[in-house]
């Protein structure tokens, strides 16, 4: 190992190149511990994990395997082998990078399909540990992804998030392969993830906990499941007016808004706004998961993310603009929302029936949008947007194009769907995609009134 250590060198084929800062792109010099441009602590090279398609006969084995890159076995600065439990080298005092400080995942299908989904999880600028987690799985006719965010006020919540994400993705893939519908599989995965997180509690008074959001993208539908305040968005790829928030936060603010006891502006400005009213964990008063299925009119992109991203881009229009910018930096936003934002498309073709009209949302297009940056590049761009805005929290995002990459033209969503199946451009996101809750579902508890710091989700103190 040279002076720079494995932290500073990436092998690409038979070439060695200097690693660069994941926050600003500045290249490190050998021996650097911090980025000279932005001051961010230097970490290991980003790891891109190519996850093969999950076949039904090997669903559990493939989809449940960890995709986090392994941390270096020795100190990258001095070569010391004694690393304490907090990750610091006993010889030189340098903190060893955690394996999940920066994680990148691509779901790669056959050559003709290319990348079917991609995601990035990053430590952020102000946190010492990444408590977000990301997991994905692909089947022949569907792609699923899970994002979880550990509750900052509970020790061990990074483990809770990873266990929930891994369990959720594995269960989704298993149940879909067994023939369950997307919504049934989604609810089953949420239940299994809850059990897995509760199993970590032991005798702890303040047990590990996390939020959870999942997406199943099938040939003609998108199904979202969630508990907590991690979110899912639809980024419309055929007209620029249909992007929407697909989830409702399990939070104090949304509870006040739903009860009409406060205006939306007042509730979101309150110090208690981000307190969770629902989460996965042994101390959750009531398990009240949500699931919703909708049928998009045409191509688009499903985005699931932790609050480290959506806190900076809460409105669908803002996330849409940032996504377009990440896809193609020369096109910052659609200057005219009433026109097609993809000028290279054939205006005589219906975007909902011809997949070639909107290549922005696919990884293998013909020169538009996401074809320029790629899905992984687009996810990186969204994470960088959050980092550039302050990056006070962990940031995680997963992107799945709709329709799935392996869908044949005959399977394309029809433009003749019934009005009940189509979101209206004149409706609010909440009206377009109402959460489907059972009548017996209990209301979430009101959290304690004491203000909480907003560096990640917080919940009601255990009683």
Protein backbone atom coordinates (compact mmCIF):
# COMPACT_ATOMS: atom_id res chain seq x y z
CA UNK A 1 0.00 0.00 0.00
CA UNK A 2 1.33 3.44 -0.88
CA UNK A 3 1.30 6.54 1.30
CA UNK A 4 -2.14 7.52 0.11
CA UNK A 5 -3.63 4.19 1.14
CA UNK A 6 -6.53 2.44 -0.50
CA UNK A 7 -8.67 5.42 0.46
CA UNK A 8 -7.13 7.56 -2.28
CA UNK A 9 -6.92 5.07 -5.15
CA UNK A 10 -9.61 3.60 -7.36
CA UNK A 11 -8.87 0.82 -9.82
CA UNK A 12 -10.76 1.29 -13.08
CA UNK A 13 -9.76 -1.53 -15.39
CA UNK A 14 -5.96 -1.41 -15.34
CA UNK A 15 -5.83 2.31 -14.53
CA UNK A 16 -5.42 3.96 -11.14
CA UNK A 17 -7.03 7.34 -10.63
CA UNK A 18 -7.13 9.73 -7.68
CA UNK A 19 -10.40 9.68 -5.73
CA UNK A 20 -12.37 12.92 -5.61
CA UNK A 21 -14.54 14.52 -2.95
CA UNK A 22 -18.13 13.19 -3.28
CA UNK A 23 -19.48 16.58 -2.16
CA UNK A 24 -17.78 19.00 -4.58
CA UNK A 25 -15.75 16.87 -6.99
CA UNK A 26 -12.34 18.24 -5.96
CA UNK A 27 -9.58 15.67 -6.45
CA UNK A 28 -7.61 14.65 -3.37
CA UNK A 29 -3.84 14.90 -3.21
CA UNK A 30 -2.00 11.97 -1.61
CA UNK A 31 -2.11 12.29 2.16
CA UNK A 32 -5.08 14.70 2.26
CA UNK A 33 -7.45 14.14 5.17
CA UNK A 34 -9.92 16.86 4.15
CA UNK A 35 -11.13 18.35 0.87
CA UNK A 36 -9.24 21.58 0.20
CA UNK A 37 -12.27 23.16 -1.50
CA UNK A 38 -15.19 22.39 0.85
CA UNK A 39 -13.50 21.03 4.00
CA UNK A 40 -15.36 17.73 4.00
CA UNK A 41 -13.56 14.85 5.75
CA UNK A 42 -11.97 12.50 3.26
CA UNK A 43 -13.56 9.12 2.87
CA UNK A 44 -13.06 5.98 0.84
CA UNK A 45 -13.83 5.83 -2.88
CA UNK A 46 -17.48 5.53 -3.74
CA UNK A 47 -18.59 1.97 -4.32
CA UNK A 48 -20.96 1.16 -7.16
CA UNK A 49 -22.67 -2.16 -6.59
CA UNK A 50 -24.23 -3.88 -9.60
CA UNK A 51 -27.10 -6.03 -8.34
CA UNK A 52 -28.20 -8.79 -10.72
CA UNK A 53 -31.84 -9.41 -11.55
CA UNK A 54 -33.60 -11.49 -8.91
CA UNK A 55 -34.91 -14.78 -10.25
CA UNK A 56 -37.87 -16.39 -8.43
CA UNK A 57 -35.85 -19.46 -7.45
CA UNK A 58 -33.23 -17.31 -5.71
CA UNK A 59 -35.23 -14.35 -4.48
CA UNK A 60 -34.29 -14.48 -0.82
CA UNK A 61 -30.63 -15.25 -1.36
CA UNK A 62 -30.12 -12.46 -3.90
CA UNK A 63 -32.36 -9.65 -2.74
CA UNK A 64 -31.48 -9.85 0.94
CA UNK A 65 -27.72 -9.66 0.56
CA UNK A 66 -26.02 -6.56 1.89
CA UNK A 67 -24.93 -4.07 -0.72
CA UNK A 68 -22.92 -1.79 1.54
CA UNK A 69 -19.24 -1.65 0.60
CA UNK A 70 -16.92 -3.17 3.17
CA UNK A 71 -14.78 -0.64 5.08
CA UNK A 72 -10.99 -0.81 4.77
CA UNK A 73 -9.52 -3.41 7.16
CA UNK A 74 -6.70 -1.09 8.26
CA UNK A 75 -6.11 2.62 8.76
CA UNK A 76 -5.75 4.27 5.36
CA UNK A 77 -3.33 6.86 6.74
CA UNK A 78 -0.73 5.02 8.85
CA UNK A 79 -1.49 1.36 8.20
CA UNK A 80 -2.44 0.69 11.82
CA UNK A 81 -4.60 -2.33 12.50
CA UNK A 82 -6.03 -1.38 15.90
CA UNK A 83 -9.32 0.45 15.29
CA UNK A 84 -11.54 1.19 18.29
CA UNK A 85 -15.31 0.72 18.43
CA UNK A 86 -15.90 4.31 17.33
CA UNK A 87 -13.79 3.83 14.21
CA UNK A 88 -10.66 5.72 15.28
CA UNK A 89 -7.12 4.46 14.71
CA UNK A 90 -5.25 3.85 17.98
CA UNK A 91 -1.95 4.80 16.32
CA UNK A 92 -2.67 8.09 14.52
CA UNK A 93 -6.19 9.02 15.67
CA UNK A 94 -7.68 9.25 12.16
CA UNK A 95 -11.28 8.10 11.89
CA UNK A 96 -11.69 5.10 9.64
CA UNK A 97 -14.45 5.64 7.06
CA UNK A 98 -17.60 3.68 7.79
CA UNK A 99 -18.69 1.27 5.10
CA UNK A 100 -21.95 3.10 4.49
CA UNK A 101 -20.72 6.72 4.54
CA UNK A 102 -21.37 6.82 0.79
CA UNK A 103 -23.20 3.98 -1.00
CA UNK A 104 -24.27 3.76 -4.64
CA UNK A 105 -26.43 0.96 -6.07
CA UNK A 106 -27.44 0.11 -9.63
CA UNK A 107 -29.91 -2.60 -10.61
CA UNK A 108 -28.59 -3.80 -13.95
CA UNK A 109 -30.63 -6.00 -16.28
CA UNK A 110 -29.60 -7.63 -19.56
CA UNK A 111 -27.72 -5.52 -22.11
CA UNK A 112 -30.88 -4.52 -23.94
CA UNK A 113 -32.46 -3.28 -20.69
CA UNK A 114 -29.49 -1.55 -19.11
CA UNK A 115 -29.91 0.07 -15.69
CA UNK A 116 -33.36 -0.59 -14.24
CA UNK A 117 -32.97 1.45 -11.04
CA UNK A 118 -30.31 3.34 -9.12
CA UNK A 119 -29.83 4.88 -5.71
CA UNK A 120 -27.34 6.83 -3.61
CA UNK A 121 -27.00 7.21 0.16
CA UNK A 122 -24.60 9.75 1.67
CA UNK A 123 -23.48 10.71 5.17
CA UNK A 124 -24.10 14.42 4.58
CA UNK A 125 -21.91 17.27 5.80
CA UNK A 126 -22.78 17.45 9.49
CA UNK A 127 -23.41 13.91 10.68
CA UNK A 128 -20.85 11.46 12.06
CA UNK A 129 -22.78 8.36 10.99
CA UNK A 130 -25.09 7.46 8.12
CA UNK A 131 -28.34 6.21 9.66
CA UNK A 132 -30.12 5.98 6.30
CA UNK A 133 -30.34 2.69 4.42
CA UNK A 134 -31.17 1.65 0.87
CA UNK A 135 -32.06 -1.73 -0.68
CA UNK A 136 -33.30 -2.79 -4.13
CA UNK A 137 -34.43 -5.92 -5.96
CA UNK A 138 -35.53 -6.67 -9.52
CA UNK A 139 -37.81 -9.33 -10.94
CA UNK A 140 -38.56 -9.99 -14.62
CA UNK A 141 -41.68 -7.76 -14.57
CA UNK A 142 -41.13 -5.43 -11.62
CA UNK A 143 -38.55 -3.41 -9.74
CA UNK A 144 -38.73 -2.63 -6.03
CA UNK A 145 -36.76 -0.36 -3.72
CA UNK A 146 -36.81 0.55 -0.03
CA UNK A 147 -35.40 3.61 1.77
CA UNK A 148 -35.29 3.80 5.58
CA UNK A 149 -34.14 6.57 7.92
CA UNK A 150 -33.02 5.75 11.46
CA UNK A 151 -34.63 7.77 14.25
CA UNK A 152 -31.87 10.04 15.52
CA UNK A 153 -32.99 9.99 19.15
CA UNK A 154 -32.69 6.18 19.48
CA UNK A 155 -29.34 4.35 19.73
CA UNK A 156 -28.81 1.63 17.15
CA UNK A 157 -31.19 3.15 14.63
CA UNK A 158 -28.65 2.84 11.82
CA UNK A 159 -28.92 -0.93 12.28
CA UNK A 160 -32.71 -0.69 12.41
CA UNK A 161 -32.77 1.18 9.11
CA UNK A 162 -30.51 -1.33 7.37
CA UNK A 163 -32.41 -4.35 8.72
CA UNK A 164 -35.75 -2.83 7.70
CA UNK A 165 -34.53 -1.96 4.20
CA UNK A 166 -32.98 -5.38 3.59
CA UNK A 167 -35.99 -7.24 5.00
CA UNK A 168 -38.46 -5.08 3.09
CA UNK A 169 -36.76 -5.50 -0.28
CA UNK A 170 -36.29 -9.25 0.21
CA UNK A 171 -39.92 -9.75 1.23
CA UNK A 172 -41.24 -7.64 -1.65
CA UNK A 173 -39.26 -9.68 -4.15
CA UNK A 174 -40.25 -12.99 -2.57
CA UNK A 175 -43.97 -12.22 -2.42
CA UNK A 176 -44.13 -10.72 -5.90
CA UNK A 177 -42.35 -13.79 -7.28
CA UNK A 178 -44.87 -15.99 -5.45
CA UNK A 179 -47.76 -14.25 -7.22
CA UNK A 180 -48.95 -11.68 -4.67
CA UNK A 181 -50.23 -8.38 -6.03
CA UNK A 182 -48.05 -5.30 -5.47
CA UNK A 183 -50.20 -3.88 -2.67
CA UNK A 184 -50.47 -7.20 -0.83
CA UNK A 185 -46.71 -7.66 -1.16
CA UNK A 186 -46.14 -4.10 0.05
CA UNK A 187 -48.19 -4.57 3.21
CA UNK A 188 -46.54 -7.93 3.86
CA UNK A 189 -43.08 -6.39 3.49
CA UNK A 190 -43.95 -3.59 5.90
CA UNK A 191 -45.11 -6.13 8.47
CA UNK A 192 -41.95 -8.23 8.12
CA UNK A 193 -39.76 -5.12 8.37
CA UNK A 194 -41.59 -4.11 11.55
CA UNK A 195 -40.96 -7.54 13.08
CA UNK A 196 -37.28 -7.40 12.13
CA UNK A 197 -36.79 -3.98 13.74
CA UNK A 198 -38.69 -4.96 16.87
CA UNK A 199 -36.37 -7.96 17.16
CA UNK A 200 -33.44 -5.60 17.71
CA UNK A 201 -34.89 -4.02 20.83
CA UNK A 202 -33.78 -6.52 23.46
CA UNK A 203 -34.25 -4.91 26.87
CA UNK A 204 -33.52 -1.38 25.73
CA UNK A 205 -35.72 1.35 27.16
CA UNK A 206 -35.21 3.43 24.01
CA UNK A 207 -35.21 0.77 21.27
CA UNK A 208 -33.93 1.29 17.71
CA UNK A 209 -36.45 2.71 15.27
CA UNK A 210 -36.70 3.96 11.70
CA UNK A 211 -38.98 5.27 9.00
CA UNK A 212 -39.74 3.22 5.87
CA UNK A 213 -40.85 3.90 2.30
CA UNK A 214 -41.00 1.41 -0.55
CA UNK A 215 -41.89 1.44 -4.24
CA UNK A 216 -42.95 -1.39 -6.52
CA UNK A 217 -42.88 -0.36 -10.18
CA UNK A 218 -44.76 -2.86 -12.33
CA UNK A 219 -45.73 -2.73 -16.04
CA UNK A 220 -48.93 -0.72 -15.50
CA UNK A 221 -48.86 0.51 -11.92
CA UNK A 222 -46.79 2.01 -9.13
CA UNK A 223 -47.37 0.92 -5.52
CA UNK A 224 -46.00 2.87 -2.58
CA UNK A 225 -45.88 1.75 1.06
CA UNK A 226 -44.67 3.78 4.01
CA UNK A 227 -44.64 4.58 7.70
CA UNK A 228 -42.95 7.71 9.02
CA UNK A 229 -41.80 10.71 7.02
CA UNK A 230 -39.62 9.24 4.28
CA UNK A 231 -41.34 10.16 1.03
CA UNK A 232 -42.21 9.02 -2.47
CA UNK A 233 -42.69 11.36 -5.44
CA UNK A 234 -43.86 10.95 -9.01
CA UNK A 235 -41.86 12.97 -11.56
CA UNK A 236 -43.94 13.22 -14.71
CA UNK A 237 -42.12 12.59 -17.96
CA UNK A 238 -44.80 13.42 -20.51
CA UNK A 239 -46.02 16.95 -19.90
CA UNK A 240 -44.39 18.59 -16.92
CA UNK A 241 -47.62 19.22 -14.98
CA UNK A 242 -48.31 15.92 -13.23
CA UNK A 243 -45.48 15.59 -10.74
CA UNK A 244 -46.83 14.90 -7.27
CA UNK A 245 -46.07 13.85 -3.71
CA UNK A 246 -47.37 10.30 -3.28
CA UNK A 247 -47.16 10.00 0.51
CA UNK A 248 -48.42 11.82 3.59
CA UNK A 249 -45.94 12.21 6.42
CA UNK A 250 -46.63 10.50 9.73
CA UNK A 251 -45.67 13.69 11.51
CA UNK A 252 -47.05 16.14 14.03
CA UNK A 253 -47.46 18.81 11.36
CA UNK A 254 -49.47 16.62 9.02
CA UNK A 255 -51.60 15.42 11.93
CA UNK A 256 -52.46 19.01 12.84
CA UNK A 257 -53.25 19.82 9.22
CA UNK A 258 -55.46 16.74 8.85
CA UNK A 259 -57.38 17.68 12.00
CA UNK A 260 -57.74 21.26 10.73
CA UNK A 261 -56.49 22.60 14.04
CA UNK A 262 -53.72 24.61 12.35
CA UNK A 263 -53.03 25.99 8.91
CA UNK A 264 -50.40 24.20 6.87
CA UNK A 265 -48.00 27.14 7.13
CA UNK A 266 -48.38 27.40 10.90
CA UNK A 267 -48.03 23.66 11.46
CA UNK A 268 -44.90 23.36 9.35
CA UNK A 269 -43.30 26.35 11.08
CA UNK A 270 -43.88 24.88 14.54
CA UNK A 271 -40.83 23.41 16.36
CA UNK A 272 -42.76 20.15 16.69
CA UNK A 273 -43.46 19.87 12.96
CA UNK A 274 -41.08 16.98 12.24
CA UNK A 275 -41.91 14.86 15.29
CA UNK A 276 -42.95 11.44 14.07
CA UNK A 277 -46.36 9.95 14.82
CA UNK A 278 -45.54 6.64 13.14
CA UNK A 279 -42.37 4.55 12.83
CA UNK A 280 -41.02 1.00 12.88
CA UNK A 281 -39.84 0.07 16.37
CA UNK A 282 -40.76 -1.81 19.50
CA UNK A 283 -42.07 1.35 21.18
CA UNK A 284 -44.46 2.36 18.38
CA UNK A 285 -47.88 2.70 20.01
CA UNK A 286 -49.76 1.52 16.93
CA UNK A 287 -48.59 0.02 13.67
CA UNK A 288 -50.53 1.92 11.00
CA UNK A 289 -48.78 1.42 7.65
CA UNK A 290 -50.01 3.00 4.44
CA UNK A 291 -50.17 1.66 0.90
CA UNK A 292 -51.37 3.30 -2.31
CA UNK A 293 -51.43 2.16 -5.93
CA UNK A 294 -51.88 4.34 -8.99
CA UNK A 295 -51.62 3.99 -12.76
CA UNK A 296 -49.56 6.73 -14.42
CA UNK A 297 -50.75 8.04 -17.77
CA UNK A 298 -47.32 7.85 -19.34
CA UNK A 299 -43.59 7.62 -18.67
CA UNK A 300 -42.07 9.11 -15.58
CA UNK A 301 -39.77 8.54 -12.65
CA UNK A 302 -40.56 7.23 -9.17
CA UNK A 303 -38.41 8.88 -6.49
CA UNK A 304 -38.24 7.59 -2.91
CA UNK A 305 -36.07 9.46 -0.43
CA UNK A 306 -35.25 10.32 3.16
CA UNK A 307 -35.92 13.73 4.63
CA UNK A 308 -32.29 14.65 4.04
CA UNK A 309 -33.34 15.27 0.43
CA UNK A 310 -36.95 16.41 0.65
CA UNK A 311 -36.26 18.95 3.42
CA UNK A 312 -34.44 20.92 0.72
CA UNK A 313 -36.92 20.11 -2.08
CA UNK A 314 -40.29 19.56 -0.38
CA UNK A 315 -42.55 20.58 -3.25
CA UNK A 316 -42.99 18.31 -6.29
CA UNK A 317 -42.21 21.17 -8.67
CA UNK A 318 -38.90 21.86 -6.92
CA UNK A 319 -37.90 18.20 -6.98
CA UNK A 320 -38.93 17.97 -10.64
CA UNK A 321 -36.72 20.94 -11.54
CA UNK A 322 -33.79 19.49 -9.60
CA UNK A 323 -34.28 16.13 -11.30
CA UNK A 324 -34.28 17.71 -14.76
CA UNK A 325 -31.14 19.63 -13.83
CA UNK A 326 -29.44 16.45 -12.61
CA UNK A 327 -30.43 14.64 -15.80
CA UNK A 328 -29.19 17.39 -18.06
CA UNK A 329 -27.44 20.38 -16.46
CA UNK A 330 -28.15 22.53 -19.53
CA UNK A 331 -31.90 22.22 -18.92
CA UNK A 332 -32.42 23.61 -15.42
CA UNK A 333 -36.21 23.46 -15.58
CA UNK A 334 -39.05 23.43 -18.05
CA UNK A 335 -39.44 27.12 -19.00
CA UNK A 336 -43.05 26.59 -20.05
CA UNK A 337 -44.94 24.03 -17.93
CA UNK A 338 -47.69 23.84 -20.55
CA UNK A 339 -45.35 22.42 -23.16
CA UNK A 340 -43.42 19.18 -23.39
CA UNK A 341 -40.14 19.66 -21.47
CA UNK A 342 -38.33 17.33 -23.87
CA UNK A 343 -37.78 19.26 -27.12
CA UNK A 344 -36.09 16.33 -28.87
CA UNK A 345 -39.27 14.27 -28.75
CA UNK A 346 -41.56 13.92 -31.75
CA UNK A 347 -44.52 16.24 -31.01
CA UNK A 348 -46.81 14.21 -33.26
CA UNK A 349 -46.58 11.10 -31.07
CA UNK A 350 -48.54 10.44 -27.89
CA UNK A 351 -46.10 10.17 -25.01
CA UNK A 352 -48.32 7.72 -23.14
CA UNK A 353 -48.26 5.14 -25.93
CA UNK A 354 -44.83 5.56 -27.51
CA UNK A 355 -41.89 4.89 -25.19
CA UNK A 356 -39.43 6.66 -27.49
CA UNK A 357 -41.04 10.06 -26.98
CA UNK A 358 -39.73 10.43 -23.45
CA UNK A 359 -36.30 8.93 -23.06
CA UNK A 360 -35.47 11.27 -20.17
CA UNK A 361 -36.76 8.82 -17.60
CA UNK A 362 -34.93 5.79 -19.00
CA UNK A 363 -31.31 4.84 -18.56
CA UNK A 364 -30.78 3.91 -22.20
CA UNK A 365 -32.37 6.69 -24.21
CA UNK A 366 -31.18 8.29 -27.41
CA UNK A 367 -29.58 11.44 -26.08
CA UNK A 368 -32.18 13.08 -23.87
CA UNK A 369 -32.15 13.74 -20.15
CA UNK A 370 -31.37 10.72 -18.00
CA UNK A 371 -29.69 9.09 -20.98
CA UNK A 372 -27.05 11.82 -20.68
CA UNK A 373 -26.39 11.49 -16.94
CA UNK A 374 -27.69 7.96 -16.45
CA UNK A 375 -29.93 7.01 -13.54
CA UNK A 376 -26.99 6.78 -11.16
CA UNK A 377 -25.71 10.17 -12.31
CA UNK A 378 -29.16 11.65 -11.75
CA UNK A 379 -29.30 10.22 -8.22
CA UNK A 380 -25.82 11.61 -7.53
CA UNK A 381 -26.97 15.00 -8.78
CA UNK A 382 -29.95 15.05 -6.42
CA UNK A 383 -27.75 14.11 -3.47
CA UNK A 384 -25.31 16.85 -4.41
CA UNK A 385 -28.20 19.34 -4.53
CA UNK A 386 -28.95 18.51 -0.89
CA UNK A 387 -25.26 18.73 0.07
CA UNK A 388 -24.91 22.09 -1.66
CA UNK A 389 -27.95 23.33 0.29
CA UNK A 390 -26.25 22.52 3.60
CA UNK A 391 -26.37 18.73 3.86
CA UNK A 392 -27.28 18.85 7.56
CA UNK A 393 -28.72 15.32 7.49
CA UNK A 394 -28.00 11.98 5.85
CA UNK A 395 -29.28 11.97 2.26
CA UNK A 396 -30.71 8.94 0.44
CA UNK A 397 -32.60 8.68 -2.85
CA UNK A 398 -33.67 5.84 -5.13
CA UNK A 399 -34.90 6.30 -8.73
CA UNK A 400 -37.01 3.83 -10.72
CA UNK A 401 -38.24 4.66 -14.24
CA UNK A 402 -41.83 3.93 -15.23
CA UNK A 403 -42.60 1.84 -17.18
CA UNK A 404 -39.97 -0.74 -16.21
CA UNK A 405 -37.09 -1.05 -18.65
CA UNK A 406 -38.05 -4.55 -19.83
CA UNK A 407 -41.66 -3.71 -20.67
CA UNK A 408 -42.83 -4.46 -24.20
CA UNK A 409 -44.90 -1.89 -26.16
CA UNK A 410 -47.99 -4.06 -25.70
CA UNK A 411 -47.67 -3.62 -21.94
CA UNK A 412 -47.46 0.17 -22.04
CA UNK A 413 -50.02 1.97 -19.85
CA UNK A 414 -53.03 2.88 -21.91
CA UNK A 415 -54.11 6.45 -22.56
CA UNK A 416 -57.70 5.18 -22.42
CA UNK A 417 -57.68 4.31 -18.72
CA UNK A 418 -60.77 5.19 -16.75
CA UNK A 419 -60.80 8.55 -14.95
CA UNK A 420 -60.54 6.72 -11.63
CA UNK A 421 -57.19 5.34 -12.75
CA UNK A 422 -55.77 8.63 -13.97
CA UNK A 423 -54.51 11.49 -11.80
CA UNK A 424 -55.97 14.81 -12.83
CA UNK A 425 -53.72 17.81 -13.44
CA UNK A 426 -56.38 19.92 -11.70
CA UNK A 427 -56.23 17.93 -8.47
CA UNK A 428 -53.85 18.41 -5.60
CA UNK A 429 -51.36 15.60 -4.96
CA UNK A 430 -53.35 14.54 -1.89
CA UNK A 431 -56.49 14.23 -4.07
CA UNK A 432 -54.62 12.39 -6.81
CA UNK A 433 -53.11 9.76 -4.56
CA UNK A 434 -55.10 9.31 -1.32
CA UNK A 435 -53.57 6.89 1.17
CA UNK A 436 -55.61 3.69 1.35
CA UNK A 437 -56.09 3.04 5.05
CA UNK A 438 -58.43 0.48 6.52
CA UNK A 439 -61.42 1.86 8.47
CA UNK A 440 -60.09 0.20 11.62
CA UNK A 441 -56.72 1.87 11.36
CA UNK A 442 -56.11 3.80 14.62
CA UNK A 443 -55.09 7.41 14.57
CA UNK A 444 -51.48 8.07 15.43
CA UNK A 445 -50.64 9.41 18.89
CA UNK A 446 -49.93 13.07 19.40
CA UNK A 447 -46.24 13.49 20.25
CA UNK A 448 -44.86 15.34 23.22
CA UNK A 449 -44.91 19.11 22.93
CA UNK A 450 -41.25 19.74 23.67
CA UNK A 451 -39.24 21.06 20.70
CA UNK A 452 -36.84 18.66 19.04
CA UNK A 453 -33.75 19.24 16.94
CA UNK A 454 -34.46 18.59 13.28
CA UNK A 455 -31.29 16.74 12.31
CA UNK A 456 -33.18 13.62 11.30
CA UNK A 457 -36.52 12.20 12.42
CA UNK A 458 -37.46 12.30 16.09
CA UNK A 459 -40.35 10.57 17.75
CA UNK A 460 -42.46 10.75 20.86
CA UNK A 461 -40.38 9.73 23.88
CA UNK A 462 -41.15 6.15 25.01
CA UNK A 463 -43.53 5.93 27.89
